[in-house]
């Protein structure tokens, strides 16, 4: 149970899960830059040495957290149609949390290649887009990247740009309509 020190040995897998969940819990209310190894370990009911043993560093733990969040965000969406996906993404607080953690890590100088798992997930999304819209890989991948950029921009810059809830919904509604017109767009582009 988070917050209680464990006096019994726990498996590496269980300890890792506790630490990841502790970060998620803490990062919902605390800026990522302020999360300390001690606070994370304490919330997980573990010792700081366990965090270092399981992950090597705080940043490596944070990368693992981004992977867990990405999986939680995307796995339920793969079989849905685009009009169903965007409302779920808009309401999912893990999307903004993950982006905050990724931005923090990039600011800390973490190599962007640390997020290569994202590429695999977007390739799966692109495969689904190609299948549903009967378009080629290039079109599907480009559209999947457009979705990624819009999501990131919406969460990172939406507030700065004063986007209202209605404007955010309009953006995703437009993406849905554009998605339905991928085949003619692909033809027009000669892809």
C-alpha atoms as a PDB file:
ATOM      1  CA  UNK A   1       0.000   0.000   0.000  1.00  0.00           C
ATOM      2  CA  UNK A   2       1.480   3.382  -0.975  1.00  0.00           C
ATOM      3  CA  UNK A   3       2.875   5.378   1.907  1.00  0.00           C
ATOM      4  CA  UNK A   4       3.687   2.448   4.185  1.00  0.00           C
ATOM      5  CA  UNK A   5       7.256   1.176   4.395  1.00  0.00           C
ATOM      6  CA  UNK A   6       7.500  -2.464   3.415  1.00  0.00           C
ATOM      7  CA  UNK A   7       9.329  -4.649   5.883  1.00  0.00           C
ATOM      8  CA  UNK A   8       9.000  -7.753   3.710  1.00  0.00           C
ATOM      9  CA  UNK A   9      10.818  -8.360   0.466  1.00  0.00           C
ATOM     10  CA  UNK A  10       8.811  -7.608  -2.604  1.00  0.00           C
ATOM     11  CA  UNK A  11       9.539  -8.593  -6.166  1.00  0.00           C
ATOM     12  CA  UNK A  12      11.223  -6.190  -8.550  1.00  0.00           C
ATOM     13  CA  UNK A  13       8.036  -6.146 -10.626  1.00  0.00           C
ATOM     14  CA  UNK A  14       5.839  -5.272  -7.645  1.00  0.00           C
ATOM     15  CA  UNK A  15       8.278  -2.645  -6.410  1.00  0.00           C
ATOM     16  CA  UNK A  16       8.500  -1.103  -9.879  1.00  0.00           C
ATOM     17  CA  UNK A  17       4.707  -0.945 -10.126  1.00  0.00           C
ATOM     18  CA  UNK A  18       4.469   0.694  -6.705  1.00  0.00           C
ATOM     19  CA  UNK A  19       7.006   3.338  -7.693  1.00  0.00           C
ATOM     20  CA  UNK A  20       5.277   4.038 -11.013  1.00  0.00           C
ATOM     21  CA  UNK A  21       1.899   4.404  -9.312  1.00  0.00           C
ATOM     22  CA  UNK A  22       3.452   6.665  -6.669  1.00  0.00           C
ATOM     23  CA  UNK A  23       4.779   8.998  -9.375  1.00  0.00           C
ATOM     24  CA  UNK A  24       1.389   9.074 -11.100  1.00  0.00           C
ATOM     25  CA  UNK A  25      -0.357   9.845  -7.820  1.00  0.00           C
ATOM     26  CA  UNK A  26       2.109  12.569  -6.839  1.00  0.00           C
ATOM     27  CA  UNK A  27       2.407  14.148 -10.296  1.00  0.00           C
ATOM     28  CA  UNK A  28      -1.334  14.776 -10.430  1.00  0.00           C
ATOM     29  CA  UNK A  29      -0.945  17.444  -7.724  1.00  0.00           C
ATOM     30  CA  UNK A  30       2.770  18.297  -7.652  1.00  0.00           C
ATOM     31  CA  UNK A  31       4.905  19.760 -10.450  1.00  0.00           C
ATOM     32  CA  UNK A  32       7.134  17.015 -11.856  1.00  0.00           C
ATOM     33  CA  UNK A  33      10.280  19.076 -11.223  1.00  0.00           C
ATOM     34  CA  UNK A  34       9.498  19.079  -7.493  1.00  0.00           C
ATOM     35  CA  UNK A  35       9.106  15.303  -7.131  1.00  0.00           C
ATOM     36  CA  UNK A  36      12.020  13.925  -5.149  1.00  0.00           C
ATOM     37  CA  UNK A  37      13.350  10.393  -5.036  1.00  0.00           C
ATOM     38  CA  UNK A  38      12.668  10.339  -1.303  1.00  0.00           C
ATOM     39  CA  UNK A  39       9.048  11.489  -1.717  1.00  0.00           C
ATOM     40  CA  UNK A  40       8.378   8.981  -4.505  1.00  0.00           C
ATOM     41  CA  UNK A  41       9.885   6.081  -2.545  1.00  0.00           C
ATOM     42  CA  UNK A  42       8.047   7.078   0.620  1.00  0.00           C
ATOM     43  CA  UNK A  43       4.707   7.281  -1.198  1.00  0.00           C
ATOM     44  CA  UNK A  44       5.369   3.825  -2.657  1.00  0.00           C
ATOM     45  CA  UNK A  45       6.246   2.465   0.792  1.00  0.00           C
ATOM     46  CA  UNK A  46       9.771   1.670  -0.356  1.00  0.00           C
ATOM     47  CA  UNK A  47      13.329   2.811   0.258  1.00  0.00           C
ATOM     48  CA  UNK A  48      15.148   5.195  -2.081  1.00  0.00           C
ATOM     49  CA  UNK A  49      17.711   2.473  -2.788  1.00  0.00           C
ATOM     50  CA  UNK A  50      14.932   0.357  -4.301  1.00  0.00           C
ATOM     51  CA  UNK A  51      14.052   3.128  -6.751  1.00  0.00           C
ATOM     52  CA  UNK A  52      17.701   3.324  -7.772  1.00  0.00           C
ATOM     53  CA  UNK A  53      18.000  -0.463  -7.985  1.00  0.00           C
ATOM     54  CA  UNK A  54      14.860  -0.882 -10.114  1.00  0.00           C
ATOM     55  CA  UNK A  55      15.249   2.139 -12.377  1.00  0.00           C
ATOM     56  CA  UNK A  56      18.755   3.556 -11.947  1.00  0.00           C
ATOM     57  CA  UNK A  57      17.564   7.139 -11.612  1.00  0.00           C
ATOM     58  CA  UNK A  58      14.523   9.316 -11.101  1.00  0.00           C
ATOM     59  CA  UNK A  59      14.473  10.220 -14.802  1.00  0.00           C
ATOM     60  CA  UNK A  60      14.529   6.569 -15.849  1.00  0.00           C
ATOM     61  CA  UNK A  61      11.571   5.987 -13.528  1.00  0.00           C
ATOM     62  CA  UNK A  62       9.783   8.944 -15.127  1.00  0.00           C
ATOM     63  CA  UNK A  63      10.394   7.465 -18.604  1.00  0.00           C
ATOM     64  CA  UNK A  64       8.861   4.200 -17.373  1.00  0.00           C
ATOM     65  CA  UNK A  65       5.878   6.189 -16.085  1.00  0.00           C
ATOM     66  CA  UNK A  66       5.378   7.766 -19.529  1.00  0.00           C
ATOM     67  CA  UNK A  67       5.350   4.293 -21.083  1.00  0.00           C
ATOM     68  CA  UNK A  68       2.741   3.040 -18.620  1.00  0.00           C
ATOM     69  CA  UNK A  69       0.588   6.120 -19.170  1.00  0.00           C
ATOM     70  CA  UNK A  70       0.831   5.789 -22.964  1.00  0.00           C
ATOM     71  CA  UNK A  71      -0.304   2.180 -22.762  1.00  0.00           C
ATOM     72  CA  UNK A  72      -3.219   3.125 -20.481  1.00  0.00           C
ATOM     73  CA  UNK A  73      -4.229   5.931 -22.802  1.00  0.00           C
ATOM     74  CA  UNK A  74      -4.004   4.094 -26.091  1.00  0.00           C
ATOM     75  CA  UNK A  75      -4.889   0.446 -25.503  1.00  0.00           C
ATOM     76  CA  UNK A  76      -8.645   1.044 -25.102  1.00  0.00           C
ATOM     77  CA  UNK A  77      -8.738   3.163 -28.264  1.00  0.00           C
ATOM     78  CA  UNK A  78      -7.366   0.840 -30.946  1.00  0.00           C
ATOM     79  CA  UNK A  79     -10.676  -0.681 -31.960  1.00  0.00           C
ATOM     80  CA  UNK A  80     -12.707   2.542 -31.855  1.00  0.00           C
ATOM     81  CA  UNK A  81     -13.669   4.797 -34.739  1.00  0.00           C
ATOM     82  CA  UNK A  82     -12.183   8.299 -34.829  1.00  0.00           C
ATOM     83  CA  UNK A  83     -15.388  10.037 -33.670  1.00  0.00           C
ATOM     84  CA  UNK A  84     -15.283   7.881 -30.517  1.00  0.00           C
ATOM     85  CA  UNK A  85     -11.567   8.340 -29.861  1.00  0.00           C
ATOM     86  CA  UNK A  86     -11.252  12.095 -29.606  1.00  0.00           C
ATOM     87  CA  UNK A  87     -13.834  12.661 -26.862  1.00  0.00           C
ATOM     88  CA  UNK A  88     -12.097   9.976 -24.789  1.00  0.00           C
ATOM     89  CA  UNK A  89      -8.696  11.562 -25.327  1.00  0.00           C
ATOM     90  CA  UNK A  90     -10.028  15.006 -24.410  1.00  0.00           C
ATOM     91  CA  UNK A  91     -11.393  13.740 -21.092  1.00  0.00           C
ATOM     92  CA  UNK A  92      -8.442  11.520 -20.187  1.00  0.00           C
ATOM     93  CA  UNK A  93      -6.364  13.272 -17.524  1.00  0.00           C
ATOM     94  CA  UNK A  94      -3.485  10.865 -18.202  1.00  0.00           C
ATOM     95  CA  UNK A  95      -2.866  12.539 -21.588  1.00  0.00           C
ATOM     96  CA  UNK A  96      -1.988  15.897 -20.021  1.00  0.00           C
ATOM     97  CA  UNK A  97      -0.066  14.235 -17.187  1.00  0.00           C
ATOM     98  CA  UNK A  98       2.036  12.222 -19.608  1.00  0.00           C
ATOM     99  CA  UNK A  99       2.804  15.275 -21.721  1.00  0.00           C
ATOM    100  CA  UNK A 100       3.881  17.232 -18.643  1.00  0.00           C
ATOM    101  CA  UNK A 101       6.254  14.422 -17.654  1.00  0.00           C
ATOM    102  CA  UNK A 102       7.661  14.088 -21.180  1.00  0.00           C
ATOM    103  CA  UNK A 103       8.247  17.847 -21.397  1.00  0.00           C
ATOM    104  CA  UNK A 104       9.974  17.831 -18.029  1.00  0.00           C
ATOM    105  CA  UNK A 105      12.240  14.996 -19.113  1.00  0.00           C
ATOM    106  CA  UNK A 106      13.132  16.740 -22.367  1.00  0.00           C
ATOM    107  CA  UNK A 107      13.908  19.908 -20.390  1.00  0.00           C
ATOM    108  CA  UNK A 108      16.160  17.762 -18.172  1.00  0.00           C
ATOM    109  CA  UNK A 109      18.090  16.681 -21.272  1.00  0.00           C
ATOM    110  CA  UNK A 110      16.727  13.146 -21.554  1.00  0.00           C
ATOM    111  CA  UNK A 111      17.355  11.769 -25.040  1.00  0.00           C
ATOM    112  CA  UNK A 112      14.167  11.903 -27.159  1.00  0.00           C
ATOM    113  CA  UNK A 113      14.984   8.341 -28.231  1.00  0.00           C
ATOM    114  CA  UNK A 114      13.893   7.329 -24.727  1.00  0.00           C
ATOM    115  CA  UNK A 115      10.339   7.629 -26.039  1.00  0.00           C
ATOM    116  CA  UNK A 116      10.733   5.263 -28.994  1.00  0.00           C
ATOM    117  CA  UNK A 117       7.868   3.155 -27.638  1.00  0.00           C
ATOM    118  CA  UNK A 118       5.616   6.022 -28.740  1.00  0.00           C
ATOM    119  CA  UNK A 119       6.601   5.319 -32.332  1.00  0.00           C
ATOM    120  CA  UNK A 120       5.356   1.735 -32.068  1.00  0.00           C
ATOM    121  CA  UNK A 121       2.030   2.907 -30.705  1.00  0.00           C
ATOM    122  CA  UNK A 122       1.602   5.507 -33.443  1.00  0.00           C
ATOM    123  CA  UNK A 123       2.472   2.882 -36.051  1.00  0.00           C
ATOM    124  CA  UNK A 124      -0.331   0.714 -34.638  1.00  0.00           C
ATOM    125  CA  UNK A 125      -2.664   3.702 -34.865  1.00  0.00           C
ATOM    126  CA  UNK A 126      -1.530   4.309 -38.447  1.00  0.00           C
ATOM    127  CA  UNK A 127      -2.240   0.666 -39.323  1.00  0.00           C
ATOM    128  CA  UNK A 128      -5.748   1.066 -37.943  1.00  0.00           C
ATOM    129  CA  UNK A 129      -6.253   4.335 -39.859  1.00  0.00           C
ATOM    130  CA  UNK A 130      -5.056   2.683 -43.087  1.00  0.00           C
ATOM    131  CA  UNK A 131      -7.408  -0.241 -42.537  1.00  0.00           C
ATOM    132  CA  UNK A 132     -10.498   1.820 -41.682  1.00  0.00           C
ATOM    133  CA  UNK A 133      -9.957   4.505 -44.336  1.00  0.00           C
ATOM    134  CA  UNK A 134      -8.509   2.306 -47.090  1.00  0.00           C
ATOM    135  CA  UNK A 135      -5.437   4.514 -47.504  1.00  0.00           C
ATOM    136  CA  UNK A 136      -1.736   3.826 -47.865  1.00  0.00           C
ATOM    137  CA  UNK A 137       0.873   3.749 -45.119  1.00  0.00           C
ATOM    138  CA  UNK A 138       2.232   7.222 -45.867  1.00  0.00           C
ATOM    139  CA  UNK A 139      -1.192   8.853 -45.561  1.00  0.00           C
ATOM    140  CA  UNK A 140      -2.089   6.871 -42.447  1.00  0.00           C
ATOM    141  CA  UNK A 141       1.222   7.612 -40.718  1.00  0.00           C
ATOM    142  CA  UNK A 142       1.019  11.303 -41.570  1.00  0.00           C
ATOM    143  CA  UNK A 143      -2.514  11.472 -40.178  1.00  0.00           C
ATOM    144  CA  UNK A 144      -1.429   9.608 -37.014  1.00  0.00           C
ATOM    145  CA  UNK A 145       1.384  12.161 -36.583  1.00  0.00           C
ATOM    146  CA  UNK A 146      -1.102  14.991 -37.109  1.00  0.00           C
ATOM    147  CA  UNK A 147      -3.261  13.537 -34.336  1.00  0.00           C
ATOM    148  CA  UNK A 148      -0.203  13.335 -32.073  1.00  0.00           C
ATOM    149  CA  UNK A 149       0.805  16.931 -32.777  1.00  0.00           C
ATOM    150  CA  UNK A 150      -2.721  18.222 -32.218  1.00  0.00           C
ATOM    151  CA  UNK A 151      -3.007  16.343 -28.929  1.00  0.00           C
ATOM    152  CA  UNK A 152       0.320  17.654 -27.721  1.00  0.00           C
ATOM    153  CA  UNK A 153      -0.367  21.186 -28.865  1.00  0.00           C
ATOM    154  CA  UNK A 154      -3.847  21.144 -27.363  1.00  0.00           C
ATOM    155  CA  UNK A 155      -2.587  20.078 -23.965  1.00  0.00           C
ATOM    156  CA  UNK A 156       0.618  22.077 -23.924  1.00  0.00           C
ATOM    157  CA  UNK A 157      -0.436  25.304 -25.570  1.00  0.00           C
ATOM    158  CA  UNK A 158      -4.233  25.298 -25.444  1.00  0.00           C
ATOM    159  CA  UNK A 159      -4.394  27.160 -22.155  1.00  0.00           C
ATOM    160  CA  UNK A 160      -1.668  29.597 -23.220  1.00  0.00           C
ATOM    161  CA  UNK A 161      -3.638  30.362 -26.374  1.00  0.00           C
ATOM    162  CA  UNK A 162      -6.886  30.717 -24.455  1.00  0.00           C
ATOM    163  CA  UNK A 163      -8.662  27.825 -26.170  1.00  0.00           C
ATOM    164  CA  UNK A 164     -12.128  27.254 -24.830  1.00  0.00           C
ATOM    165  CA  UNK A 165     -13.669  23.817 -24.374  1.00  0.00           C
ATOM    166  CA  UNK A 166     -15.758  24.493 -27.485  1.00  0.00           C
ATOM    167  CA  UNK A 167     -12.685  25.378 -29.565  1.00  0.00           C
ATOM    168  CA  UNK A 168     -10.895  22.238 -28.388  1.00  0.00           C
ATOM    169  CA  UNK A 169     -13.917  20.149 -29.383  1.00  0.00           C
ATOM    170  CA  UNK A 170     -14.047  21.926 -32.751  1.00  0.00           C
ATOM    171  CA  UNK A 171     -10.412  20.990 -33.378  1.00  0.00           C
ATOM    172  CA  UNK A 172     -11.109  17.320 -32.741  1.00  0.00           C
ATOM    173  CA  UNK A 173     -14.356  17.428 -34.740  1.00  0.00           C
ATOM    174  CA  UNK A 174     -12.384  18.820 -37.672  1.00  0.00           C
ATOM    175  CA  UNK A 175      -9.824  16.030 -37.314  1.00  0.00           C
ATOM    176  CA  UNK A 176     -12.629  13.476 -37.493  1.00  0.00           C
ATOM    177  CA  UNK A 177     -14.009  15.037 -40.679  1.00  0.00           C
ATOM    178  CA  UNK A 178     -10.528  15.240 -42.169  1.00  0.00           C
ATOM    179  CA  UNK A 179     -10.003  11.592 -41.279  1.00  0.00           C
ATOM    180  CA  UNK A 180     -13.104  10.616 -43.211  1.00  0.00           C
ATOM    181  CA  UNK A 181     -11.678  12.401 -46.256  1.00  0.00           C
ATOM    182  CA  UNK A 182      -8.245  10.823 -46.231  1.00  0.00           C
ATOM    183  CA  UNK A 183      -8.694   8.864 -49.472  1.00  0.00           C
ATOM    184  CA  UNK A 184      -9.446  11.933 -51.630  1.00  0.00           C
ATOM    185  CA  UNK A 185      -6.634  13.826 -49.870  1.00  0.00           C
ATOM    186  CA  UNK A 186      -4.238  10.976 -50.586  1.00  0.00           C
ATOM    187  CA  UNK A 187      -5.237  11.043 -54.256  1.00  0.00           C
ATOM    188  CA  UNK A 188      -4.866  14.829 -54.469  1.00  0.00           C
ATOM    189  CA  UNK A 189      -1.390  14.613 -52.948  1.00  0.00           C
ATOM    190  CA  UNK A 190      -0.355  11.782 -55.245  1.00  0.00           C
ATOM    191  CA  UNK A 191       0.606   9.533 -52.375  1.00  0.00           C
END
